[in-house]
Amino acid sequence: MKLGDFLNSINYTKEDIFEEDADHASKNYPAFVVNRCLSYFPDTLFHANEMNMHHSLSERVQYDYLRLSIRPRKRFSKWLKNEKPEDIEVVKKYYNYSNRKAEDALRVLSSDDIENMKQDMNTGGSKPNSST
């Protein structure tokens, strides 16, 4: 079972996934991730928070609470990700820095500094043609 199966069951279909194969479903139920997905919507935020506060409950009980208490509605949202600046890879390669150090360095480097780094790292030659 996938995350989408659990979310679809909780949000829309209201079908009991645990009824089909309780052992498999309970092992694969990602309570934290489900709660995080539900926290994006105003009408499910408090339900997700309630389950986060009662994380010690079994997966089945958490799933049933969400499935039976949330009104059916199609809910879709994109997962928020940290966006990496384009120039972070240049700084990481140029200085041999980790992500964290490169982010710190980007705060003090100017766009001219980044361009100079790109030119210094440009070794010339032709780029491989991916169409062949």
N, C-alpha and C. Protein backbone atom coordinates (compact mmCIF):
# COMPACT_ATOMS: atom_id res chain seq x y z
N MET A 1 0.82 -1.18 0.00
CA MET A 1 0.00 0.00 0.00
C MET A 1 0.87 1.25 0.00
N LYS A 2 0.40 2.24 -0.73
CA LYS A 2 1.15 3.48 -0.85
C LYS A 2 0.50 4.56 0.00
N LEU A 3 1.25 5.64 0.18
CA LEU A 3 0.75 6.78 0.92
C LEU A 3 -0.54 7.30 0.30
N GLY A 4 -0.58 7.36 -1.01
CA GLY A 4 -1.77 7.85 -1.71
C GLY A 4 -3.01 7.02 -1.41
N ASP A 5 -2.83 5.73 -1.21
CA ASP A 5 -3.96 4.86 -0.88
C ASP A 5 -4.56 5.24 0.48
N PHE A 6 -3.69 5.47 1.45
CA PHE A 6 -4.16 5.86 2.77
C PHE A 6 -4.84 7.23 2.72
N LEU A 7 -4.21 8.19 2.05
CA LEU A 7 -4.78 9.54 1.97
C LEU A 7 -6.11 9.54 1.23
N ASN A 8 -6.19 8.79 0.15
CA ASN A 8 -7.43 8.72 -0.61
C ASN A 8 -8.55 8.11 0.24
N SER A 9 -8.21 7.10 1.01
CA SER A 9 -9.19 6.45 1.88
C SER A 9 -9.67 7.40 2.98
N ILE A 10 -8.75 8.16 3.55
CA ILE A 10 -9.11 9.08 4.63
C ILE A 10 -9.90 10.27 4.08
N ASN A 11 -9.45 10.83 2.97
CA ASN A 11 -10.04 12.05 2.45
C ASN A 11 -11.29 11.86 1.62
N TYR A 12 -11.37 10.78 0.88
CA TYR A 12 -12.42 10.74 -0.13
C TYR A 12 -13.29 9.48 -0.10
N THR A 13 -12.67 8.32 -0.28
CA THR A 13 -13.47 7.10 -0.45
C THR A 13 -14.05 6.56 0.85
N LYS A 14 -13.35 6.76 1.95
CA LYS A 14 -13.76 6.27 3.27
C LYS A 14 -13.76 4.74 3.37
N GLU A 15 -13.14 4.06 2.41
CA GLU A 15 -13.02 2.60 2.47
C GLU A 15 -11.98 2.22 3.50
N ASP A 16 -12.22 1.15 4.22
CA ASP A 16 -11.32 0.70 5.27
C ASP A 16 -10.22 -0.18 4.67
N ILE A 17 -9.04 0.40 4.51
CA ILE A 17 -7.89 -0.33 3.96
C ILE A 17 -7.41 -1.40 4.92
N PHE A 18 -7.50 -1.14 6.21
CA PHE A 18 -7.03 -2.10 7.21
C PHE A 18 -7.85 -3.38 7.20
N GLU A 19 -9.07 -3.31 6.74
CA GLU A 19 -9.93 -4.48 6.71
C GLU A 19 -9.40 -5.56 5.76
N GLU A 20 -8.79 -5.13 4.66
CA GLU A 20 -8.27 -6.07 3.65
C GLU A 20 -7.09 -6.86 4.19
N ASP A 21 -6.09 -6.16 4.73
CA ASP A 21 -4.89 -6.82 5.21
C ASP A 21 -4.32 -5.99 6.37
N ALA A 22 -4.79 -6.25 7.56
CA ALA A 22 -4.46 -5.43 8.72
C ALA A 22 -2.96 -5.42 9.03
N ASP A 23 -2.30 -6.56 8.94
CA ASP A 23 -0.87 -6.62 9.26
C ASP A 23 -0.06 -5.78 8.29
N HIS A 24 -0.34 -5.97 7.02
CA HIS A 24 0.40 -5.23 5.99
C HIS A 24 0.12 -3.73 6.09
N ALA A 25 -1.11 -3.37 6.30
CA ALA A 25 -1.50 -1.96 6.38
C ALA A 25 -0.88 -1.29 7.60
N SER A 26 -0.88 -1.97 8.73
CA SER A 26 -0.34 -1.35 9.93
C SER A 26 1.18 -1.18 9.85
N LYS A 27 1.85 -2.07 9.15
CA LYS A 27 3.31 -1.92 8.97
C LYS A 27 3.63 -0.79 8.02
N ASN A 28 2.76 -0.53 7.05
CA ASN A 28 3.04 0.47 6.03
C ASN A 28 2.38 1.82 6.27
N TYR A 29 1.61 1.96 7.34
CA TYR A 29 0.91 3.22 7.59
C TYR A 29 1.89 4.25 8.12
N PRO A 30 2.18 5.31 7.35
CA PRO A 30 3.13 6.35 7.79
C PRO A 30 2.39 7.47 8.52
N ALA A 31 2.15 7.30 9.80
CA ALA A 31 1.31 8.22 10.57
C ALA A 31 1.80 9.67 10.47
N PHE A 32 3.09 9.87 10.66
CA PHE A 32 3.62 11.24 10.64
C PHE A 32 3.41 11.89 9.28
N VAL A 33 3.67 11.15 8.22
CA VAL A 33 3.54 11.70 6.87
C VAL A 33 2.08 11.98 6.53
N VAL A 34 1.19 11.09 6.93
CA VAL A 34 -0.24 11.32 6.71
C VAL A 34 -0.68 12.58 7.44
N ASN A 35 -0.25 12.73 8.69
CA ASN A 35 -0.60 13.92 9.46
C ASN A 35 -0.04 15.19 8.82
N ARG A 36 1.16 15.08 8.31
CA ARG A 36 1.76 16.24 7.64
C ARG A 36 0.97 16.61 6.38
N CYS A 37 0.59 15.63 5.61
CA CYS A 37 -0.20 15.89 4.41
C CYS A 37 -1.55 16.53 4.75
N LEU A 38 -2.16 16.08 5.82
CA LEU A 38 -3.45 16.62 6.22
C LEU A 38 -3.34 18.01 6.85
N SER A 39 -2.16 18.38 7.31
CA SER A 39 -1.99 19.68 7.96
C SER A 39 -2.00 20.84 6.97
N TYR A 40 -2.01 20.58 5.68
CA TYR A 40 -2.04 21.64 4.68
C TYR A 40 -3.43 22.24 4.49
N PHE A 41 -4.44 21.64 5.04
CA PHE A 41 -5.82 22.08 4.80
C PHE A 41 -6.46 22.55 6.09
N PRO A 42 -7.18 23.68 6.05
CA PRO A 42 -7.78 24.22 7.27
C PRO A 42 -8.78 23.28 7.94
N ASP A 43 -9.50 22.50 7.15
CA ASP A 43 -10.52 21.63 7.74
C ASP A 43 -9.95 20.33 8.31
N THR A 44 -8.71 20.02 8.04
CA THR A 44 -8.10 18.79 8.58
C THR A 44 -6.91 19.08 9.50
N LEU A 45 -6.54 20.31 9.62
CA LEU A 45 -5.37 20.69 10.42
C LEU A 45 -5.49 20.23 11.86
N PHE A 46 -6.64 20.48 12.48
CA PHE A 46 -6.80 20.14 13.89
C PHE A 46 -6.86 18.63 14.12
N HIS A 47 -7.39 17.91 13.15
CA HIS A 47 -7.40 16.44 13.26
C HIS A 47 -5.96 15.90 13.20
N ALA A 48 -5.18 16.44 12.29
CA ALA A 48 -3.78 16.02 12.17
C ALA A 48 -3.02 16.36 13.45
N ASN A 49 -3.26 17.54 13.98
CA ASN A 49 -2.59 17.94 15.22
C ASN A 49 -2.98 17.03 16.38
N GLU A 50 -4.24 16.66 16.43
CA GLU A 50 -4.72 15.75 17.49
C GLU A 50 -3.97 14.41 17.42
N MET A 51 -3.78 13.90 16.22
CA MET A 51 -3.07 12.63 16.08
C MET A 51 -1.58 12.78 16.38
N ASN A 52 -1.01 13.94 16.10
CA ASN A 52 0.39 14.18 16.48
C ASN A 52 0.54 14.21 17.99
N MET A 53 -0.45 14.76 18.68
CA MET A 53 -0.39 14.79 20.14
C MET A 53 -0.60 13.40 20.74
N HIS A 54 -1.32 12.54 20.02
CA HIS A 54 -1.59 11.18 20.51
C HIS A 54 -0.87 10.15 19.63
N HIS A 55 0.38 10.41 19.36
CA HIS A 55 1.17 9.54 18.48
C HIS A 55 1.37 8.13 19.03
N SER A 56 1.15 7.95 20.31
CA SER A 56 1.35 6.63 20.90
C SER A 56 0.20 5.66 20.60
N LEU A 57 -0.89 6.17 20.06
CA LEU A 57 -2.00 5.29 19.67
C LEU A 57 -1.55 4.38 18.53
N SER A 58 -2.20 3.26 18.40
CA SER A 58 -1.84 2.33 17.33
C SER A 58 -2.17 2.95 15.98
N GLU A 59 -1.53 2.43 14.94
CA GLU A 59 -1.76 2.93 13.58
C GLU A 59 -3.22 2.78 13.19
N ARG A 60 -3.81 1.68 13.57
CA ARG A 60 -5.21 1.41 13.24
C ARG A 60 -6.13 2.46 13.86
N VAL A 61 -5.91 2.78 15.12
CA VAL A 61 -6.75 3.74 15.81
C VAL A 61 -6.57 5.14 15.19
N GLN A 62 -5.34 5.51 14.88
CA GLN A 62 -5.10 6.81 14.24
C GLN A 62 -5.79 6.89 12.89
N TYR A 63 -5.64 5.83 12.11
CA TYR A 63 -6.26 5.78 10.78
C TYR A 63 -7.78 5.86 10.89
N ASP A 64 -8.37 5.09 11.78
CA ASP A 64 -9.82 5.11 11.95
C ASP A 64 -10.32 6.48 12.41
N TYR A 65 -9.61 7.10 13.33
CA TYR A 65 -10.01 8.44 13.78
C TYR A 65 -10.06 9.41 12.60
N LEU A 66 -8.99 9.42 11.81
CA LEU A 66 -8.94 10.35 10.67
C LEU A 66 -9.99 10.01 9.63
N ARG A 67 -10.11 8.73 9.32
CA ARG A 67 -11.05 8.30 8.27
C ARG A 67 -12.49 8.61 8.65
N LEU A 68 -12.83 8.43 9.91
CA LEU A 68 -14.22 8.59 10.34
C LEU A 68 -14.57 10.02 10.77
N SER A 69 -13.58 10.85 11.05
CA SER A 69 -13.89 12.19 11.53
C SER A 69 -13.74 13.29 10.47
N ILE A 70 -13.01 13.01 9.41
CA ILE A 70 -12.79 14.01 8.36
C ILE A 70 -13.87 13.87 7.30
N ARG A 71 -14.47 15.00 6.93
CA ARG A 71 -15.51 14.98 5.90
C ARG A 71 -14.92 14.65 4.54
N PRO A 72 -15.64 13.88 3.73
CA PRO A 72 -15.11 13.49 2.43
C PRO A 72 -14.97 14.69 1.50
N ARG A 73 -13.80 14.81 0.92
CA ARG A 73 -13.52 15.87 -0.04
C ARG A 73 -12.20 15.54 -0.72
N LYS A 74 -12.08 15.89 -1.98
CA LYS A 74 -10.81 15.68 -2.66
C LYS A 74 -9.84 16.77 -2.22
N ARG A 75 -8.71 16.35 -1.70
CA ARG A 75 -7.69 17.28 -1.22
C ARG A 75 -6.37 16.89 -1.86
N PHE A 76 -5.79 17.83 -2.55
CA PHE A 76 -4.49 17.60 -3.18
C PHE A 76 -3.59 18.78 -2.89
N SER A 77 -2.37 18.52 -2.56
CA SER A 77 -1.39 19.60 -2.38
C SER A 77 -0.01 19.06 -2.74
N LYS A 78 0.82 19.96 -3.20
CA LYS A 78 2.19 19.57 -3.49
C LYS A 78 2.98 19.58 -2.19
N TRP A 79 3.90 18.66 -2.11
CA TRP A 79 4.75 18.57 -0.94
C TRP A 79 5.75 19.72 -1.01
N LEU A 80 5.84 20.51 0.05
CA LEU A 80 6.77 21.62 0.07
C LEU A 80 8.19 21.10 0.25
N LYS A 81 9.07 21.60 -0.59
CA LYS A 81 10.46 21.20 -0.54
C LYS A 81 11.32 22.44 -0.39
N ASN A 82 12.48 22.26 0.21
CA ASN A 82 13.43 23.36 0.26
C ASN A 82 13.96 23.59 -1.14
N GLU A 83 13.94 24.84 -1.55
CA GLU A 83 14.47 25.14 -2.87
C GLU A 83 15.95 25.47 -2.75
N LYS A 84 16.76 24.85 -3.61
CA LYS A 84 18.18 25.10 -3.62
C LYS A 84 18.49 26.18 -4.64
N PRO A 85 19.22 27.22 -4.24
CA PRO A 85 19.64 28.20 -5.23
C PRO A 85 20.52 27.53 -6.29
N GLU A 86 20.46 28.04 -7.51
CA GLU A 86 21.24 27.44 -8.60
C GLU A 86 22.73 27.49 -8.31
N ASP A 87 23.16 28.56 -7.69
CA ASP A 87 24.60 28.79 -7.51
C ASP A 87 25.21 27.98 -6.38
N ILE A 88 24.39 27.26 -5.62
CA ILE A 88 24.93 26.51 -4.50
C ILE A 88 25.88 25.41 -4.98
N GLU A 89 25.56 24.79 -6.11
CA GLU A 89 26.43 23.74 -6.64
C GLU A 89 27.79 24.30 -7.06
N VAL A 90 27.78 25.53 -7.59
CA VAL A 90 29.04 26.18 -7.99
C VAL A 90 29.90 26.41 -6.76
N VAL A 91 29.30 26.95 -5.70
CA VAL A 91 30.05 27.23 -4.48
C VAL A 91 30.54 25.93 -3.85
N LYS A 92 29.69 24.90 -3.82
CA LYS A 92 30.10 23.62 -3.24
C LYS A 92 31.30 23.04 -3.97
N LYS A 93 31.25 23.09 -5.29
CA LYS A 93 32.35 22.51 -6.08
C LYS A 93 33.61 23.36 -5.98
N TYR A 94 33.46 24.66 -6.04
CA TYR A 94 34.61 25.57 -6.04
C TYR A 94 35.38 25.49 -4.73
N TYR A 95 34.67 25.54 -3.61
CA TYR A 95 35.32 25.53 -2.30
C TYR A 95 35.34 24.16 -1.64
N ASN A 96 34.70 23.17 -2.27
CA ASN A 96 34.57 21.84 -1.68
C ASN A 96 33.84 21.93 -0.33
N TYR A 97 32.70 22.64 -0.35
CA TYR A 97 31.90 22.87 0.84
C TYR A 97 30.72 21.91 0.90
N SER A 98 30.20 21.75 2.11
CA SER A 98 28.94 21.02 2.31
C SER A 98 27.78 21.96 1.94
N ASN A 99 26.57 21.41 1.92
CA ASN A 99 25.40 22.24 1.63
C ASN A 99 25.29 23.41 2.59
N ARG A 100 25.46 23.13 3.86
CA ARG A 100 25.31 24.16 4.90
C ARG A 100 26.34 25.28 4.73
N LYS A 101 27.60 24.90 4.53
CA LYS A 101 28.64 25.91 4.36
C LYS A 101 28.43 26.70 3.08
N ALA A 102 27.99 26.04 2.03
CA ALA A 102 27.76 26.72 0.76
C ALA A 102 26.61 27.73 0.90
N GLU A 103 25.56 27.38 1.65
CA GLU A 103 24.45 28.31 1.88
C GLU A 103 24.94 29.54 2.64
N ASP A 104 25.80 29.32 3.64
CA ASP A 104 26.36 30.45 4.38
C ASP A 104 27.21 31.32 3.48
N ALA A 105 28.02 30.70 2.62
CA ALA A 105 28.88 31.46 1.72
C ALA A 105 28.07 32.26 0.72
N LEU A 106 26.95 31.74 0.26
CA LEU A 106 26.11 32.45 -0.71
C LEU A 106 25.56 33.76 -0.14
N ARG A 107 25.44 33.83 1.15
CA ARG A 107 24.92 35.06 1.77
C ARG A 107 25.87 36.23 1.61
N VAL A 108 27.18 35.94 1.51
CA VAL A 108 28.17 37.02 1.43
C VAL A 108 28.78 37.19 0.04
N LEU A 109 28.56 36.23 -0.84
CA LEU A 109 29.13 36.32 -2.19
C LEU A 109 28.23 37.13 -3.10
N SER A 110 28.84 37.91 -3.97
CA SER A 110 28.08 38.68 -4.94
C SER A 110 27.90 37.85 -6.21
N SER A 111 27.05 38.34 -7.11
CA SER A 111 26.85 37.65 -8.38
C SER A 111 28.12 37.67 -9.22
N ASP A 112 28.93 38.74 -9.07
CA ASP A 112 30.22 38.79 -9.78
C ASP A 112 31.16 37.71 -9.27
N ASP A 113 31.14 37.47 -7.96
CA ASP A 113 31.98 36.41 -7.38
C ASP A 113 31.58 35.05 -7.95
N ILE A 114 30.29 34.81 -8.07
CA ILE A 114 29.80 33.54 -8.61
C ILE A 114 30.22 33.38 -10.06
N GLU A 115 30.10 34.45 -10.83
CA GLU A 115 30.51 34.40 -12.25
C GLU A 115 32.00 34.12 -12.37
N ASN A 116 32.82 34.73 -11.51
CA ASN A 116 34.26 34.48 -11.53
C ASN A 116 34.56 33.02 -11.20
N MET A 117 33.83 32.45 -10.25
CA MET A 117 34.02 31.04 -9.91
C MET A 117 33.67 30.15 -11.10
N LYS A 118 32.58 30.47 -11.78
CA LYS A 118 32.17 29.68 -12.95
C LYS A 118 33.23 29.73 -14.03
N GLN A 119 33.81 30.91 -14.24
CA GLN A 119 34.85 31.05 -15.26
C GLN A 119 36.11 30.30 -14.86
N ASP A 120 36.48 30.36 -13.57
CA ASP A 120 37.66 29.64 -13.10
C ASP A 120 37.50 28.13 -13.24
N MET A 121 36.29 27.65 -13.05
CA MET A 121 36.05 26.20 -13.13
C MET A 121 35.83 25.73 -14.55
N ASN A 122 35.61 26.64 -15.49
CA ASN A 122 35.40 26.26 -16.88
C ASN A 122 36.73 25.80 -17.47
N THR A 123 36.84 24.51 -17.73
CA THR A 123 38.09 23.95 -18.23
C THR A 123 38.12 23.89 -19.74
N GLY A 124 37.06 24.34 -20.38
CA GLY A 124 37.03 24.33 -21.85
C GLY A 124 36.67 22.96 -22.37
N GLY A 125 36.91 22.79 -23.66
CA GLY A 125 36.56 21.52 -24.28
C GLY A 125 35.11 21.52 -24.72
N SER A 126 34.71 20.49 -25.37
CA SER A 126 33.35 20.42 -25.84
C SER A 126 32.51 19.61 -24.87
N LYS A 127 31.24 19.97 -24.81
CA LYS A 127 30.32 19.23 -23.95
C LYS A 127 29.82 18.02 -24.71
N PRO A 128 29.65 16.89 -24.03
CA PRO A 128 29.17 15.71 -24.72
C PRO A 128 27.75 15.94 -25.26
N ASN A 129 27.53 15.47 -26.45
CA ASN A 129 26.22 15.61 -27.08
C ASN A 129 25.35 14.44 -26.65
N SER A 130 24.25 14.73 -25.97
CA SER A 130 23.41 13.68 -25.43
C SER A 130 22.49 13.06 -26.48
N SER A 131 22.40 13.68 -27.67
CA SER A 131 21.49 13.16 -28.68
C SER A 131 22.10 12.05 -29.50
N THR A 132 23.38 11.79 -29.35
CA THR A 132 24.02 10.72 -30.15
C THR A 132 24.03 9.43 -29.42
